[in-house]
Amino acid sequence: MTLPVYRYRLAPHGLMTRTQLRAAGLSAARAEVVGELRWRSRKARHYGGYRVAYLYDPATARPVRPMTAGRWRSHAAMMRARRTCPDCKAVQPYVIPTSLGCCWPCAGA
Protein backbone atom coordinates (compact mmCIF):
# COMPACT_ATOMS: atom_id res chain seq x y z
CA MET A 1 0.00 0.00 0.00
CA THR A 2 1.39 3.38 -0.93
CA LEU A 3 0.81 6.41 1.22
CA PRO A 4 -0.44 9.70 -0.19
CA VAL A 5 2.34 12.30 -0.31
CA TYR A 6 1.65 15.94 0.51
CA ARG A 7 3.85 18.96 0.02
CA TYR A 8 4.99 21.08 2.94
CA ARG A 9 2.08 23.01 4.53
CA LEU A 10 -0.46 21.38 2.20
CA ALA A 11 -1.56 18.41 4.32
CA PRO A 12 -5.29 17.95 4.91
CA HIS A 13 -6.72 19.46 8.06
CA GLY A 14 -6.97 16.98 10.93
CA LEU A 15 -3.82 14.96 10.25
CA MET A 16 -0.89 15.43 12.62
CA THR A 17 2.83 14.76 12.68
CA ARG A 18 4.47 12.94 15.59
CA THR A 19 5.51 16.26 17.17
CA GLN A 20 1.99 17.66 16.89
CA LEU A 21 0.54 14.50 18.47
CA ARG A 22 2.95 14.79 21.39
CA ALA A 23 2.03 18.46 21.89
CA ALA A 24 -1.62 17.41 22.03
CA GLY A 25 -0.85 14.80 24.70
CA LEU A 26 -1.18 11.83 22.34
CA SER A 27 1.19 9.00 21.49
CA ALA A 28 1.96 7.83 17.95
CA ALA A 29 2.85 4.33 19.20
CA ARG A 30 -0.22 2.64 17.74
CA ALA A 31 -1.58 5.45 15.62
CA GLU A 32 -2.20 4.68 11.99
CA VAL A 33 0.10 6.31 9.43
CA VAL A 34 -2.17 7.79 6.78
CA GLY A 35 0.23 9.88 4.69
CA GLU A 36 3.52 11.69 4.57
CA LEU A 37 4.80 15.21 4.17
CA ARG A 38 7.75 15.58 1.84
CA TRP A 39 9.84 18.67 1.23
CA ARG A 40 13.20 19.52 -0.29
CA SER A 41 15.98 20.30 2.15
CA ARG A 42 19.70 20.88 1.98
CA LYS A 43 20.03 18.90 5.22
CA ALA A 44 18.84 15.79 3.39
CA ARG A 45 21.16 16.00 0.40
CA HIS A 46 22.51 12.51 1.18
CA TYR A 47 18.98 11.07 1.09
CA GLY A 48 17.89 12.32 -2.31
CA GLY A 49 17.32 15.89 -1.12
CA TYR A 50 13.94 15.24 0.50
CA ARG A 51 12.89 15.16 4.12
CA VAL A 52 9.85 13.19 5.26
CA ALA A 53 7.42 13.52 8.16
CA TYR A 54 4.72 10.91 8.55
CA LEU A 55 1.14 11.98 9.15
CA TYR A 56 -1.05 10.22 11.70
CA ASP A 57 -4.77 10.09 12.31
CA PRO A 58 -5.32 11.52 15.81
CA ALA A 59 -8.50 9.45 16.22
CA THR A 60 -6.37 6.28 16.37
CA ALA A 61 -3.71 7.77 18.68
CA ARG A 62 -3.61 6.86 22.35
CA PRO A 63 -3.01 9.20 25.29
CA VAL A 64 0.56 9.48 26.54
CA ARG A 65 1.22 7.31 29.58
CA PRO A 66 1.70 9.47 32.67
CA MET A 67 5.06 9.50 34.43
CA THR A 68 4.77 7.40 37.58
CA ALA A 69 7.17 7.49 40.50
CA GLY A 70 8.87 4.34 39.23
CA ARG A 71 9.35 5.77 35.76
CA TRP A 72 10.87 8.95 37.27
CA ARG A 73 13.30 6.82 39.34
CA SER A 74 14.24 4.84 36.25
CA HIS A 75 14.81 8.02 34.26
CA ALA A 76 16.95 9.53 37.04
CA ALA A 77 19.10 6.36 37.21
CA MET A 78 19.56 6.38 33.45
CA MET A 79 20.65 10.03 33.43
CA ARG A 80 22.99 9.46 36.41
CA ALA A 81 24.66 6.64 34.47
CA ARG A 82 25.15 8.96 31.47
CA ARG A 83 26.76 11.58 33.75
CA THR A 84 29.12 9.19 35.58
CA CYS A 85 32.70 9.20 34.30
CA PRO A 86 34.00 5.65 33.71
CA ASP A 87 37.56 6.69 34.65
CA CYS A 88 37.20 8.68 37.89
CA LYS A 89 33.66 7.48 38.78
CA ALA A 90 32.59 11.06 39.56
CA VAL A 91 29.04 12.15 38.73
CA GLN A 92 29.30 15.27 36.59
CA PRO A 93 26.60 17.95 36.10
CA TYR A 94 26.71 17.27 32.32
CA VAL A 95 26.34 14.20 30.13
CA ILE A 96 29.72 12.59 29.38
CA PRO A 97 30.57 13.19 25.69
CA THR A 98 30.77 9.95 23.74
CA SER A 99 33.54 11.45 21.62
CA LEU A 100 35.78 11.66 24.71
CA GLY A 101 34.52 8.63 26.62
CA CYS A 102 35.27 10.36 29.94
CA CYS A 103 34.70 13.68 31.69
CA TRP A 104 36.55 16.83 30.65
CA PRO A 105 39.07 16.85 33.54
CA CYS A 106 40.03 13.21 32.80
CA ALA A 107 40.28 13.92 29.07
CA GLY A 108 42.57 16.91 29.69
CA ALA A 109 44.90 14.95 31.95
PDB file of N, CA and C in Angstrom:
ATOM      1  N   MET A   1       0.842  -1.181   0.000  1.00  0.00           N
ATOM      2  CA  MET A   1       0.000   0.000   0.000  1.00  0.00           C
ATOM      3  C   MET A   1       0.887   1.244   0.000  1.00  0.00           C
ATOM      4  N   THR A   2       0.627   2.139  -0.889  1.00  0.00           N
ATOM      5  CA  THR A   2       1.391   3.376  -0.930  1.00  0.00           C
ATOM      6  C   THR A   2       0.638   4.467  -0.175  1.00  0.00           C
ATOM      7  N   LEU A   3       1.386   5.315   0.464  1.00  0.00           N
ATOM      8  CA  LEU A   3       0.807   6.414   1.224  1.00  0.00           C
ATOM      9  C   LEU A   3       0.685   7.646   0.345  1.00  0.00           C
ATOM     10  N   PRO A   4      -0.364   8.438   0.541  1.00  0.00           N
ATOM     11  CA  PRO A   4      -0.436   9.700  -0.190  1.00  0.00           C
ATOM     12  C   PRO A   4       0.657  10.647   0.303  1.00  0.00           C
ATOM     13  N   VAL A   5       1.246  11.377  -0.625  1.00  0.00           N
ATOM     14  CA  VAL A   5       2.338  12.295  -0.311  1.00  0.00           C
ATOM     15  C   VAL A   5       1.822  13.719  -0.486  1.00  0.00           C
ATOM     16  N   TYR A   6       2.079  14.553   0.542  1.00  0.00           N
ATOM     17  CA  TYR A   6       1.650  15.944   0.506  1.00  0.00           C
ATOM     18  C   TYR A   6       2.874  16.837   0.564  1.00  0.00           C
ATOM     19  N   ARG A   7       2.768  17.989  -0.054  1.00  0.00           N
ATOM     20  CA  ARG A   7       3.845  18.962   0.021  1.00  0.00           C
ATOM     21  C   ARG A   7       3.769  19.701   1.338  1.00  0.00           C
ATOM     22  N   TYR A   8       4.880  20.355   1.686  1.00  0.00           N
ATOM     23  CA  TYR A   8       4.987  21.084   2.939  1.00  0.00           C
ATOM     24  C   TYR A   8       3.870  22.108   3.062  1.00  0.00           C
ATOM     25  N   ARG A   9       3.197  22.112   4.191  1.00  0.00           N
ATOM     26  CA  ARG A   9       2.080  23.010   4.530  1.00  0.00           C
ATOM     27  C   ARG A   9       0.805  22.760   3.720  1.00  0.00           C
ATOM     28  N   LEU A  10       0.728  21.657   2.997  1.00  0.00           N
ATOM     29  CA  LEU A  10      -0.463  21.384   2.199  1.00  0.00           C
ATOM     30  C   LEU A  10      -1.160  20.089   2.618  1.00  0.00           C
ATOM     31  N   ALA A  11      -0.911  19.625   3.828  1.00  0.00           N
ATOM     32  CA  ALA A  11      -1.559  18.406   4.322  1.00  0.00           C
ATOM     33  C   ALA A  11      -3.006  18.719   4.667  1.00  0.00           C
ATOM     34  N   PRO A  12      -3.894  17.734   4.551  1.00  0.00           N
ATOM     35  CA  PRO A  12      -5.294  17.949   4.908  1.00  0.00           C
ATOM     36  C   PRO A  12      -5.454  18.298   6.397  1.00  0.00           C
ATOM     37  N   HIS A  13      -6.454  19.074   6.685  1.00  0.00           N
ATOM     38  CA  HIS A  13      -6.725  19.465   8.063  1.00  0.00           C
ATOM     39  C   HIS A  13      -7.136  18.227   8.863  1.00  0.00           C
ATOM     40  N   GLY A  14      -6.603  18.109  10.072  1.00  0.00           N
ATOM     41  CA  GLY A  14      -6.973  16.983  10.935  1.00  0.00           C
ATOM     42  C   GLY A  14      -5.886  15.932  11.063  1.00  0.00           C
ATOM     43  N   LEU A  15      -4.937  15.888  10.144  1.00  0.00           N
ATOM     44  CA  LEU A  15      -3.821  14.957  10.254  1.00  0.00           C
ATOM     45  C   LEU A  15      -2.697  15.637  11.020  1.00  0.00           C
ATOM     46  N   MET A  16      -1.932  14.850  11.781  1.00  0.00           N
ATOM     47  CA  MET A  16      -0.893  15.426  12.623  1.00  0.00           C
ATOM     48  C   MET A  16       0.415  14.669  12.467  1.00  0.00           C
ATOM     49  N   THR A  17       1.518  15.401  12.638  1.00  0.00           N
ATOM     50  CA  THR A  17       2.827  14.763  12.679  1.00  0.00           C
ATOM     51  C   THR A  17       3.056  14.236  14.093  1.00  0.00           C
ATOM     52  N   ARG A  18       4.146  13.499  14.285  1.00  0.00           N
ATOM     53  CA  ARG A  18       4.469  12.939  15.594  1.00  0.00           C
ATOM     54  C   ARG A  18       4.655  14.053  16.639  1.00  0.00           C
ATOM     55  N   THR A  19       5.287  15.147  16.250  1.00  0.00           N
ATOM     56  CA  THR A  19       5.507  16.263  17.170  1.00  0.00           C
ATOM     57  C   THR A  19       4.184  16.914  17.561  1.00  0.00           C
ATOM     58  N   GLN A  20       3.288  17.064  16.600  1.00  0.00           N
ATOM     59  CA  GLN A  20       1.991  17.660  16.893  1.00  0.00           C
ATOM     60  C   GLN A  20       1.153  16.750  17.790  1.00  0.00           C
ATOM     61  N   LEU A  21       1.251  15.434  17.585  1.00  0.00           N
ATOM     62  CA  LEU A  21       0.544  14.505  18.468  1.00  0.00           C
ATOM     63  C   LEU A  21       1.045  14.632  19.894  1.00  0.00           C
ATOM     64  N   ARG A  22       2.365  14.694  20.049  1.00  0.00           N
ATOM     65  CA  ARG A  22       2.949  14.788  21.388  1.00  0.00           C
ATOM     66  C   ARG A  22       2.520  16.077  22.065  1.00  0.00           C
ATOM     67  N   ALA A  23       2.465  17.180  21.321  1.00  0.00           N
ATOM     68  CA  ALA A  23       2.034  18.461  21.888  1.00  0.00           C
ATOM     69  C   ALA A  23       0.576  18.414  22.327  1.00  0.00           C
ATOM     70  N   ALA A  24      -0.214  17.566  21.673  1.00  0.00           N
ATOM     71  CA  ALA A  24      -1.619  17.414  22.029  1.00  0.00           C
ATOM     72  C   ALA A  24      -1.830  16.373  23.122  1.00  0.00           C
ATOM     73  N   GLY A  25      -0.735  15.780  23.637  1.00  0.00           N
ATOM     74  CA  GLY A  25      -0.851  14.798  24.697  1.00  0.00           C
ATOM     75  C   GLY A  25      -1.180  13.402  24.198  1.00  0.00           C
ATOM     76  N   LEU A  26      -0.892  13.136  22.916  1.00  0.00           N
ATOM     77  CA  LEU A  26      -1.180  11.833  22.335  1.00  0.00           C
ATOM     78  C   LEU A  26       0.114  11.129  21.935  1.00  0.00           C
ATOM     79  N   SER A  27       0.045   9.806  21.854  1.00  0.00           N
ATOM     80  CA  SER A  27       1.194   9.004  21.486  1.00  0.00           C
ATOM     81  C   SER A  27       0.983   8.423  20.094  1.00  0.00           C
ATOM     82  N   ALA A  28       2.045   8.382  19.297  1.00  0.00           N
ATOM     83  CA  ALA A  28       1.960   7.833  17.952  1.00  0.00           C
ATOM     84  C   ALA A  28       2.314   6.352  17.934  1.00  0.00           C
ATOM     85  N   ALA A  29       2.405   5.721  19.114  1.00  0.00           N
ATOM     86  CA  ALA A  29       2.851   4.327  19.199  1.00  0.00           C
ATOM     87  C   ALA A  29       1.969   3.390  18.382  1.00  0.00           C
ATOM     88  N   ARG A  30       0.677   3.521  18.494  1.00  0.00           N
ATOM     89  CA  ARG A  30      -0.220   2.640  17.742  1.00  0.00           C
ATOM     90  C   ARG A  30      -1.123   3.407  16.791  1.00  0.00           C
ATOM     91  N   ALA A  31      -0.784   4.644  16.546  1.00  0.00           N
ATOM     92  CA  ALA A  31      -1.582   5.451  15.624  1.00  0.00           C
ATOM     93  C   ALA A  31      -1.320   4.991  14.196  1.00  0.00           C
ATOM     94  N   GLU A  32      -2.296   5.124  13.385  1.00  0.00           N
ATOM     95  CA  GLU A  32      -2.202   4.680  11.994  1.00  0.00           C
ATOM     96  C   GLU A  32      -1.560   5.765  11.131  1.00  0.00           C
ATOM     97  N   VAL A  33      -0.541   5.378  10.368  1.00  0.00           N
ATOM     98  CA  VAL A  33       0.096   6.307   9.427  1.00  0.00           C
ATOM     99  C   VAL A  33      -0.805   6.401   8.205  1.00  0.00           C
ATOM    100  N   VAL A  34      -1.229   7.618   7.880  1.00  0.00           N
ATOM    101  CA  VAL A  34      -2.169   7.790   6.777  1.00  0.00           C
ATOM    102  C   VAL A  34      -1.582   8.596   5.622  1.00  0.00           C
ATOM    103  N   GLY A  35      -0.384   9.115   5.779  1.00  0.00           N
ATOM    104  CA  GLY A  35       0.233   9.882   4.694  1.00  0.00           C
ATOM    105  C   GLY A  35       1.601  10.371   5.115  1.00  0.00           C
ATOM    106  N   GLU A  36       2.222  11.125   4.235  1.00  0.00           N
ATOM    107  CA  GLU A  36       3.520  11.690   4.572  1.00  0.00           C
ATOM    108  C   GLU A  36       3.681  13.060   3.946  1.00  0.00           C
ATOM    109  N   LEU A  37       4.386  13.917   4.678  1.00  0.00           N
ATOM    110  CA  LEU A  37       4.797  15.213   4.166  1.00  0.00           C
ATOM    111  C   LEU A  37       6.184  15.034   3.575  1.00  0.00           C
ATOM    112  N   ARG A  38       6.434  15.663   2.452  1.00  0.00           N
ATOM    113  CA  ARG A  38       7.755  15.580   1.841  1.00  0.00           C
ATOM    114  C   ARG A  38       8.140  16.961   1.332  1.00  0.00           C
ATOM    115  N   TRP A  39       9.363  17.383   1.685  1.00  0.00           N
ATOM    116  CA  TRP A  39       9.843  18.673   1.225  1.00  0.00           C
ATOM    117  C   TRP A  39      11.327  18.603   0.969  1.00  0.00           C
ATOM    118  N   ARG A  40      11.776  19.476   0.061  1.00  0.00           N
ATOM    119  CA  ARG A  40      13.199  19.519  -0.287  1.00  0.00           C
ATOM    120  C   ARG A  40      13.959  20.219   0.830  1.00  0.00           C
ATOM    121  N   SER A  41      15.174  19.724   1.085  1.00  0.00           N
ATOM    122  CA  SER A  41      15.976  20.298   2.146  1.00  0.00           C
ATOM    123  C   SER A  41      17.446  20.055   1.865  1.00  0.00           C
ATOM    124  N   ARG A  42      18.257  21.062   2.136  1.00  0.00           N
ATOM    125  CA  ARG A  42      19.700  20.879   1.980  1.00  0.00           C
ATOM    126  C   ARG A  42      20.246  19.918   3.021  1.00  0.00           C
ATOM    127  N   LYS A  43      19.586  19.823   4.173  1.00  0.00           N
ATOM    128  CA  LYS A  43      20.035  18.902   5.216  1.00  0.00           C
ATOM    129  C   LYS A  43      19.948  17.454   4.761  1.00  0.00           C
ATOM    130  N   ALA A  44      19.067  17.158   3.832  1.00  0.00           N
ATOM    131  CA  ALA A  44      18.844  15.785   3.393  1.00  0.00           C
ATOM    132  C   ALA A  44      19.485  15.504   2.043  1.00  0.00           C
ATOM    133  N   ARG A  45      20.556  16.187   1.717  1.00  0.00           N
ATOM    134  CA  ARG A  45      21.160  15.997   0.403  1.00  0.00           C
ATOM    135  C   ARG A  45      21.693  14.583   0.205  1.00  0.00           C
ATOM    136  N   HIS A  46      22.020  13.881   1.299  1.00  0.00           N
ATOM    137  CA  HIS A  46      22.508  12.515   1.177  1.00  0.00           C
ATOM    138  C   HIS A  46      21.368  11.504   1.017  1.00  0.00           C
ATOM    139  N   TYR A  47      20.143  11.951   1.194  1.00  0.00           N
ATOM    140  CA  TYR A  47      18.980  11.071   1.091  1.00  0.00           C
ATOM    141  C   TYR A  47      18.091  11.474  -0.081  1.00  0.00           C
ATOM    142  N   GLY A  48      18.666  11.931  -1.144  1.00  0.00           N
ATOM    143  CA  GLY A  48      17.893  12.322  -2.306  1.00  0.00           C
ATOM    144  C   GLY A  48      17.394  13.749  -2.256  1.00  0.00           C
ATOM    145  N   GLY A  49      17.711  14.499  -1.218  1.00  0.00           N
ATOM    146  CA  GLY A  49      17.324  15.895  -1.121  1.00  0.00           C
ATOM    147  C   GLY A  49      15.955  16.133  -0.527  1.00  0.00           C
ATOM    148  N   TYR A  50      15.282  15.082  -0.056  1.00  0.00           N
ATOM    149  CA  TYR A  50      13.938  15.238   0.498  1.00  0.00           C
ATOM    150  C   TYR A  50      13.911  14.805   1.950  1.00  0.00           C
ATOM    151  N   ARG A  51      13.155  15.543   2.745  1.00  0.00           N
ATOM    152  CA  ARG A  51      12.887  15.156   4.121  1.00  0.00           C
ATOM    153  C   ARG A  51      11.445  14.696   4.203  1.00  0.00           C
ATOM    154  N   VAL A  52      11.175  13.800   5.155  1.00  0.00           N
ATOM    155  CA  VAL A  52       9.851  13.191   5.256  1.00  0.00           C
ATOM    156  C   VAL A  52       9.362  13.277   6.694  1.00  0.00           C
ATOM    157  N   ALA A  53       8.090  13.587   6.863  1.00  0.00           N
ATOM    158  CA  ALA A  53       7.424  13.524   8.165  1.00  0.00           C
ATOM    159  C   ALA A  53       6.123  12.758   7.950  1.00  0.00           C
ATOM    160  N   TYR A  54       5.927  11.706   8.710  1.00  0.00           N
ATOM    161  CA  TYR A  54       4.720  10.905   8.555  1.00  0.00           C
ATOM    162  C   TYR A  54       3.539  11.583   9.224  1.00  0.00           C
ATOM    163  N   LEU A  55       2.369  11.403   8.635  1.00  0.00           N
ATOM    164  CA  LEU A  55       1.137  11.983   9.150  1.00  0.00           C
ATOM    165  C   LEU A  55       0.299  10.886   9.781  1.00  0.00           C
ATOM    166  N   TYR A  56      -0.266  11.188  10.945  1.00  0.00           N
ATOM    167  CA  TYR A  56      -1.051  10.221  11.703  1.00  0.00           C
ATOM    168  C   TYR A  56      -2.475  10.716  11.874  1.00  0.00           C
ATOM    169  N   ASP A  57      -3.378   9.769  12.031  1.00  0.00           N
ATOM    170  CA  ASP A  57      -4.769  10.085  12.311  1.00  0.00           C
ATOM    171  C   ASP A  57      -4.915  10.198  13.828  1.00  0.00           C
ATOM    172  N   PRO A  58      -5.244  11.376  14.362  1.00  0.00           N
ATOM    173  CA  PRO A  58      -5.322  11.524  15.814  1.00  0.00           C
ATOM    174  C   PRO A  58      -6.446  10.705  16.448  1.00  0.00           C
ATOM    175  N   ALA A  59      -7.422  10.262  15.661  1.00  0.00           N
ATOM    176  CA  ALA A  59      -8.500   9.450  16.219  1.00  0.00           C
ATOM    177  C   ALA A  59      -7.990   8.077  16.654  1.00  0.00           C
ATOM    178  N   THR A  60      -6.917   7.586  16.011  1.00  0.00           N
ATOM    179  CA  THR A  60      -6.375   6.278  16.375  1.00  0.00           C
ATOM    180  C   THR A  60      -5.231   6.376  17.373  1.00  0.00           C
ATOM    181  N   ALA A  61      -4.814   7.587  17.733  1.00  0.00           N
ATOM    182  CA  ALA A  61      -3.706   7.767  18.681  1.00  0.00           C
ATOM    183  C   ALA A  61      -4.201   7.559  20.103  1.00  0.00           C
ATOM    184  N   ARG A  62      -3.280   7.095  20.954  1.00  0.00           N
ATOM    185  CA  ARG A  62      -3.611   6.860  22.350  1.00  0.00           C
ATOM    186  C   ARG A  62      -3.022   7.969  23.205  1.00  0.00           C
ATOM    187  N   PRO A  63      -3.596   8.188  24.400  1.00  0.00           N
ATOM    188  CA  PRO A  63      -3.011   9.197  25.285  1.00  0.00           C
ATOM    189  C   PRO A  63      -1.622   8.773  25.757  1.00  0.00           C
ATOM    190  N   VAL A  64      -0.780   9.741  26.033  1.00  0.00           N
ATOM    191  CA  VAL A  64       0.558   9.476  26.542  1.00  0.00           C
ATOM    192  C   VAL A  64       0.438   8.906  27.951  1.00  0.00           C
ATOM    193  N   ARG A  65       1.238   7.880  28.239  1.00  0.00           N
ATOM    194  CA  ARG A  65       1.220   7.308  29.579  1.00  0.00           C
ATOM    195  C   ARG A  65       1.810   8.314  30.559  1.00  0.00           C
ATOM    196  N   PRO A  66       1.167   8.498  31.702  1.00  0.00           N
ATOM    197  CA  PRO A  66       1.702   9.470  32.667  1.00  0.00           C
ATOM    198  C   PRO A  66       2.982   8.942  33.310  1.00  0.00           C
ATOM    199  N   MET A  67       3.829   9.871  33.742  1.00  0.00           N
ATOM    200  CA  MET A  67       5.062   9.503  34.427  1.00  0.00           C
ATOM    201  C   MET A  67       4.734   9.125  35.867  1.00  0.00           C
ATOM    202  N   THR A  68       4.976   7.874  36.210  1.00  0.00           N
ATOM    203  CA  THR A  68       4.766   7.402  37.576  1.00  0.00           C
ATOM    204  C   THR A  68       6.057   7.595  38.363  1.00  0.00           C
ATOM    205  N   ALA A  69       5.984   7.344  39.662  1.00  0.00           N
ATOM    206  CA  ALA A  69       7.174   7.489  40.500  1.00  0.00           C
ATOM    207  C   ALA A  69       8.263   6.516  40.067  1.00  0.00           C
ATOM    208  N   GLY A  70       7.897   5.316  39.686  1.00  0.00           N
ATOM    209  CA  GLY A  70       8.874   4.335  39.231  1.00  0.00           C
ATOM    210  C   GLY A  70       9.542   4.742  37.933  1.00  0.00           C
ATOM    211  N   ARG A  71       8.768   5.312  37.018  1.00  0.00           N
ATOM    212  CA  ARG A  71       9.349   5.771  35.757  1.00  0.00           C
ATOM    213  C   ARG A  71      10.298   6.944  35.995  1.00  0.00           C
ATOM    214  N   TRP A  72       9.967   7.835  36.943  1.00  0.00           N
ATOM    215  CA  TRP A  72      10.866   8.948  37.270  1.00  0.00           C
ATOM    216  C   TRP A  72      12.172   8.425  37.864  1.00  0.00           C
ATOM    217  N   ARG A  73      12.085   7.405  38.756  1.00  0.00           N
ATOM    218  CA  ARG A  73      13.297   6.816  39.337  1.00  0.00           C
ATOM    219  C   ARG A  73      14.155   6.182  38.256  1.00  0.00           C
ATOM    220  N   SER A  74      13.519   5.472  37.348  1.00  0.00           N
ATOM    221  CA  SER A  74      14.242   4.836  36.251  1.00  0.00           C
ATOM    222  C   SER A  74      14.936   5.878  35.370  1.00  0.00           C
ATOM    223  N   HIS A  75      14.249   6.956  35.080  1.00  0.00           N
ATOM    224  CA  HIS A  75      14.815   8.024  34.258  1.00  0.00           C
ATOM    225  C   HIS A  75      15.998   8.676  34.978  1.00  0.00           C
ATOM    226  N   ALA A  76      15.864   8.919  36.275  1.00  0.00           N
ATOM    227  CA  ALA A  76      16.953   9.525  37.043  1.00  0.00           C
ATOM    228  C   ALA A  76      18.177   8.613  37.064  1.00  0.00           C
ATOM    229  N   ALA A  77      17.978   7.308  37.217  1.00  0.00           N
ATOM    230  CA  ALA A  77      19.101   6.364  37.209  1.00  0.00           C
ATOM    231  C   ALA A  77      19.782   6.328  35.846  1.00  0.00           C
ATOM    232  N   MET A  78      18.993   6.376  34.796  1.00  0.00           N
ATOM    233  CA  MET A  78      19.562   6.378  33.451  1.00  0.00           C
ATOM    234  C   MET A  78      20.414   7.636  33.223  1.00  0.00           C
ATOM    235  N   MET A  79      19.907   8.791  33.629  1.00  0.00           N
ATOM    236  CA  MET A  79      20.654  10.030  33.434  1.00  0.00           C
ATOM    237  C   MET A  79      21.905  10.074  34.321  1.00  0.00           C
ATOM    238  N   ARG A  80      21.815   9.522  35.541  1.00  0.00           N
ATOM    239  CA  ARG A  80      22.988   9.461  36.411  1.00  0.00           C
ATOM    240  C   ARG A  80      24.077   8.597  35.780  1.00  0.00           C
ATOM    241  N   ALA A  81      23.688   7.498  35.139  1.00  0.00           N
ATOM    242  CA  ALA A  81      24.660   6.636  34.467  1.00  0.00           C
ATOM    243  C   ALA A  81      25.314   7.356  33.298  1.00  0.00           C
ATOM    244  N   ARG A  82      24.590   8.206  32.604  1.00  0.00           N
ATOM    245  CA  ARG A  82      25.154   8.958  31.471  1.00  0.00           C
ATOM    246  C   ARG A  82      26.089  10.067  31.939  1.00  0.00           C
ATOM    247  N   ARG A  83      25.926  10.508  33.209  1.00  0.00           N
ATOM    248  CA  ARG A  83      26.758  11.581  33.747  1.00  0.00           C
ATOM    249  C   ARG A  83      27.943  11.069  34.552  1.00  0.00           C
ATOM    250  N   THR A  84      28.036   9.758  34.777  1.00  0.00           N
ATOM    251  CA  THR A  84      29.115   9.191  35.580  1.00  0.00           C
ATOM    252  C   THR A  84      30.317   8.881  34.692  1.00  0.00           C
ATOM    253  N   CYS A  85      31.475   9.416  35.066  1.00  0.00           N
ATOM    254  CA  CYS A  85      32.702   9.195  34.305  1.00  0.00           C
ATOM    255  C   CYS A  85      33.203   7.772  34.554  1.00  0.00           C
ATOM    256  N   PRO A  86      33.514   7.012  33.505  1.00  0.00           N
ATOM    257  CA  PRO A  86      34.003   5.650  33.714  1.00  0.00           C
ATOM    258  C   PRO A  86      35.421   5.605  34.273  1.00  0.00           C
ATOM    259  N   ASP A  87      36.179   6.682  34.161  1.00  0.00           N
ATOM    260  CA  ASP A  87      37.561   6.690  34.647  1.00  0.00           C
ATOM    261  C   ASP A  87      37.644   7.053  36.131  1.00  0.00           C
ATOM    262  N   CYS A  88      37.086   8.218  36.499  1.00  0.00           N
ATOM    263  CA  CYS A  88      37.200   8.682  37.887  1.00  0.00           C
ATOM    264  C   CYS A  88      35.955   8.380  38.714  1.00  0.00           C
ATOM    265  N   LYS A  89      34.916   7.855  38.106  1.00  0.00           N
ATOM    266  CA  LYS A  89      33.658   7.480  38.781  1.00  0.00           C
ATOM    267  C   LYS A  89      32.934   8.660  39.420  1.00  0.00           C
ATOM    268  N   ALA A  90      33.256   9.879  39.025  1.00  0.00           N
ATOM    269  CA  ALA A  90      32.589  11.064  39.561  1.00  0.00           C
ATOM    270  C   ALA A  90      31.341  11.347  38.730  1.00  0.00           C
ATOM    271  N   VAL A  91      30.280  11.768  39.416  1.00  0.00           N
ATOM    272  CA  VAL A  91      29.044  12.147  38.730  1.00  0.00           C
ATOM    273  C   VAL A  91      29.156  13.619  38.366  1.00  0.00           C
ATOM    274  N   GLN A  92      29.127  13.906  37.081  1.00  0.00           N
ATOM    275  CA  GLN A  92      29.297  15.269  36.586  1.00  0.00           C
ATOM    276  C   GLN A  92      27.927  15.937  36.400  1.00  0.00           C
ATOM    277  N   PRO A  93      27.875  17.268  36.345  1.00  0.00           N
ATOM    278  CA  PRO A  93      26.600  17.949  36.103  1.00  0.00           C
ATOM    279  C   PRO A  93      26.207  17.962  34.624  1.00  0.00           C
ATOM    280  N   TYR A  94      26.983  17.324  33.757  1.00  0.00           N
ATOM    281  CA  TYR A  94      26.707  17.275  32.324  1.00  0.00           C
ATOM    282  C   TYR A  94      26.821  15.829  31.858  1.00  0.00           C
ATOM    283  N   VAL A  95      26.252  15.535  30.704  1.00  0.00           N
ATOM    284  CA  VAL A  95      26.341  14.201  30.130  1.00  0.00           C
ATOM    285  C   VAL A  95      27.745  14.017  29.556  1.00  0.00           C
ATOM    286  N   ILE A  96      28.359  12.878  29.841  1.00  0.00           N
ATOM    287  CA  ILE A  96      29.718  12.593  29.377  1.00  0.00           C
ATOM    288  C   ILE A  96      29.705  12.498  27.853  1.00  0.00           C
ATOM    289  N   PRO A  97      30.549  13.262  27.147  1.00  0.00           N
ATOM    290  CA  PRO A  97      30.569  13.195  25.686  1.00  0.00           C
ATOM    291  C   PRO A  97      31.053  11.820  25.207  1.00  0.00           C
ATOM    292  N   THR A  98      30.355  11.241  24.271  1.00  0.00           N
ATOM    293  CA  THR A  98      30.774   9.946  23.738  1.00  0.00           C
ATOM    294  C   THR A  98      32.040  10.067  22.905  1.00  0.00           C
ATOM    295  N   SER A  99      32.314  11.262  22.390  1.00  0.00           N
ATOM    296  CA  SER A  99      33.539  11.451  21.617  1.00  0.00           C
ATOM    297  C   SER A  99      34.781  11.353  22.498  1.00  0.00           C
ATOM    298  N   LEU A 100      34.649  11.731  23.780  1.00  0.00           N
ATOM    299  CA  LEU A 100      35.777  11.656  24.709  1.00  0.00           C
ATOM    300  C   LEU A 100      35.789  10.340  25.470  1.00  0.00           C
ATOM    301  N   GLY A 101      34.604   9.862  25.848  1.00  0.00           N
ATOM    302  CA  GLY A 101      34.518   8.629  26.623  1.00  0.00           C
ATOM    303  C   GLY A 101      34.774   8.820  28.103  1.00  0.00           C
ATOM    304  N   CYS A 102      35.046  10.044  28.520  1.00  0.00           N
ATOM    305  CA  CYS A 102      35.274  10.359  29.935  1.00  0.00           C
ATOM    306  C   CYS A 102      34.939  11.835  30.146  1.00  0.00           C
ATOM    307  N   CYS A 103      35.021  12.284  31.406  1.00  0.00           N
ATOM    308  CA  CYS A 103      34.703  13.677  31.692  1.00  0.00           C
ATOM    309  C   CYS A 103      35.832  14.588  31.183  1.00  0.00           C
ATOM    310  N   TRP A 104      35.567  15.895  31.180  1.00  0.00           N
ATOM    311  CA  TRP A 104      36.549  16.829  30.646  1.00  0.00           C
ATOM    312  C   TRP A 104      37.842  16.872  31.456  1.00  0.00           C
ATOM    313  N   PRO A 105      37.795  16.854  32.802  1.00  0.00           N
ATOM    314  CA  PRO A 105      39.067  16.849  33.537  1.00  0.00           C
ATOM    315  C   PRO A 105      39.913  15.593  33.240  1.00  0.00           C
ATOM    316  N   CYS A 106      39.275  14.438  33.121  1.00  0.00           N
ATOM    317  CA  CYS A 106      40.027  13.213  32.802  1.00  0.00           C
ATOM    318  C   CYS A 106      40.574  13.256  31.377  1.00  0.00           C
ATOM    319  N   ALA A 107      39.813  13.845  30.473  1.00  0.00           N
ATOM    320  CA  ALA A 107      40.280  13.921  29.072  1.00  0.00           C
ATOM    321  C   ALA A 107      41.451  14.884  28.939  1.00  0.00           C
ATOM    322  N   GLY A 108      41.481  15.936  29.763  1.00  0.00           N
ATOM    323  CA  GLY A 108      42.565  16.911  29.692  1.00  0.00           C
ATOM    324  C   GLY A 108      43.847  16.423  30.340  1.00  0.00           C
ATOM    325  N   ALA A 109      43.711  15.459  31.240  1.00  0.00           N
ATOM    326  CA  ALA A 109      44.900  14.951  31.954  1.00  0.00           C
ATOM    327  C   ALA A 109      45.682  13.947  31.135  1.00  0.00           C
TER     328      ALA A 109
END
